[in-house]
């Protein structure tokens, strides 16, 4: 996505492409990294609970 944005920066279609790229990046962050961060946080909490129970 970043490469596409950089390549299209000087083109006459940049104003049309820019919102699509921004929307795609936003959706990517929300639907991929949001749940992944939640899973990692839950995994970290579970590991902390197991470590505390074993001591």
C-alpha atoms as a PDB file:
ATOM      1  CA  UNK A   1       0.000   0.000   0.000  1.00  0.00           C
ATOM      2  CA  UNK A   2       2.759   2.412   0.871  1.00  0.00           C
ATOM      3  CA  UNK A   3       4.586   1.622  -2.363  1.00  0.00           C
ATOM      4  CA  UNK A   4       1.415   2.212  -4.343  1.00  0.00           C
ATOM      5  CA  UNK A   5       0.880   5.556  -2.633  1.00  0.00           C
ATOM      6  CA  UNK A   6       4.449   6.664  -3.261  1.00  0.00           C
ATOM      7  CA  UNK A   7       4.333   5.585  -6.901  1.00  0.00           C
ATOM      8  CA  UNK A   8       1.037   7.372  -7.576  1.00  0.00           C
ATOM      9  CA  UNK A   9       1.987  10.611  -5.799  1.00  0.00           C
ATOM     10  CA  UNK A  10       2.856  12.499  -8.982  1.00  0.00           C
ATOM     11  CA  UNK A  11       0.030  11.079 -11.075  1.00  0.00           C
ATOM     12  CA  UNK A  12      -3.181  12.920 -11.905  1.00  0.00           C
ATOM     13  CA  UNK A  13      -5.155  10.123 -10.229  1.00  0.00           C
ATOM     14  CA  UNK A  14      -3.563  10.557  -6.804  1.00  0.00           C
ATOM     15  CA  UNK A  15      -6.581  12.453  -5.427  1.00  0.00           C
ATOM     16  CA  UNK A  16      -8.841   9.554  -6.421  1.00  0.00           C
ATOM     17  CA  UNK A  17      -6.525   6.806  -5.185  1.00  0.00           C
ATOM     18  CA  UNK A  18      -5.542   8.405  -1.872  1.00  0.00           C
ATOM     19  CA  UNK A  19      -8.880   7.839  -0.047  1.00  0.00           C
ATOM     20  CA  UNK A  20      -8.936   4.210  -1.182  1.00  0.00           C
ATOM     21  CA  UNK A  21      -5.435   3.616   0.156  1.00  0.00           C
ATOM     22  CA  UNK A  22      -6.218   5.402   3.408  1.00  0.00           C
ATOM     23  CA  UNK A  23      -9.393   3.367   3.859  1.00  0.00           C
ATOM     24  CA  UNK A  24      -7.548   0.148   3.099  1.00  0.00           C
ATOM     25  CA  UNK A  25      -4.839   0.932   5.612  1.00  0.00           C
ATOM     26  CA  UNK A  26      -7.411   1.823   8.275  1.00  0.00           C
ATOM     27  CA  UNK A  27      -9.403  -1.351   7.715  1.00  0.00           C
ATOM     28  CA  UNK A  28      -6.193  -3.363   7.805  1.00  0.00           C
ATOM     29  CA  UNK A  29      -5.274  -1.866  11.165  1.00  0.00           C
ATOM     30  CA  UNK A  30      -8.736  -2.440  12.625  1.00  0.00           C
ATOM     31  CA  UNK A  31      -9.451  -5.954  11.390  1.00  0.00           C
ATOM     32  CA  UNK A  32      -5.970  -7.487  11.461  1.00  0.00           C
ATOM     33  CA  UNK A  33      -3.970  -5.780  14.198  1.00  0.00           C
ATOM     34  CA  UNK A  34      -6.872  -5.062  16.573  1.00  0.00           C
ATOM     35  CA  UNK A  35      -7.810  -8.711  17.189  1.00  0.00           C
ATOM     36  CA  UNK A  36      -4.160  -9.747  17.143  1.00  0.00           C
ATOM     37  CA  UNK A  37      -3.315  -7.225  19.863  1.00  0.00           C
ATOM     38  CA  UNK A  38      -6.260  -8.489  21.904  1.00  0.00           C
ATOM     39  CA  UNK A  39      -5.099 -12.095  21.579  1.00  0.00           C
ATOM     40  CA  UNK A  40      -1.557 -11.182  22.562  1.00  0.00           C
ATOM     41  CA  UNK A  41      -2.816  -9.255  25.586  1.00  0.00           C
ATOM     42  CA  UNK A  42      -4.965 -12.221  26.697  1.00  0.00           C
ATOM     43  CA  UNK A  43      -2.036 -14.582  26.209  1.00  0.00           C
ATOM     44  CA  UNK A  44       0.191 -12.322  28.308  1.00  0.00           C
ATOM     45  CA  UNK A  45      -2.417 -12.170  31.106  1.00  0.00           C
ATOM     46  CA  UNK A  46      -2.825 -15.964  31.105  1.00  0.00           C
ATOM     47  CA  UNK A  47       0.930 -16.457  31.283  1.00  0.00           C
ATOM     48  CA  UNK A  48       1.162 -14.034  34.215  1.00  0.00           C
ATOM     49  CA  UNK A  49      -1.618 -15.910  36.049  1.00  0.00           C
ATOM     50  CA  UNK A  50       0.114 -19.262  35.465  1.00  0.00           C
ATOM     51  CA  UNK A  51       3.442 -17.864  36.674  1.00  0.00           C
ATOM     52  CA  UNK A  52       1.824 -16.473  39.819  1.00  0.00           C
ATOM     53  CA  UNK A  53       0.004 -19.753  40.532  1.00  0.00           C
ATOM     54  CA  UNK A  54       3.164 -21.812  40.184  1.00  0.00           C
ATOM     55  CA  UNK A  55       5.167 -19.745  42.678  1.00  0.00           C
END
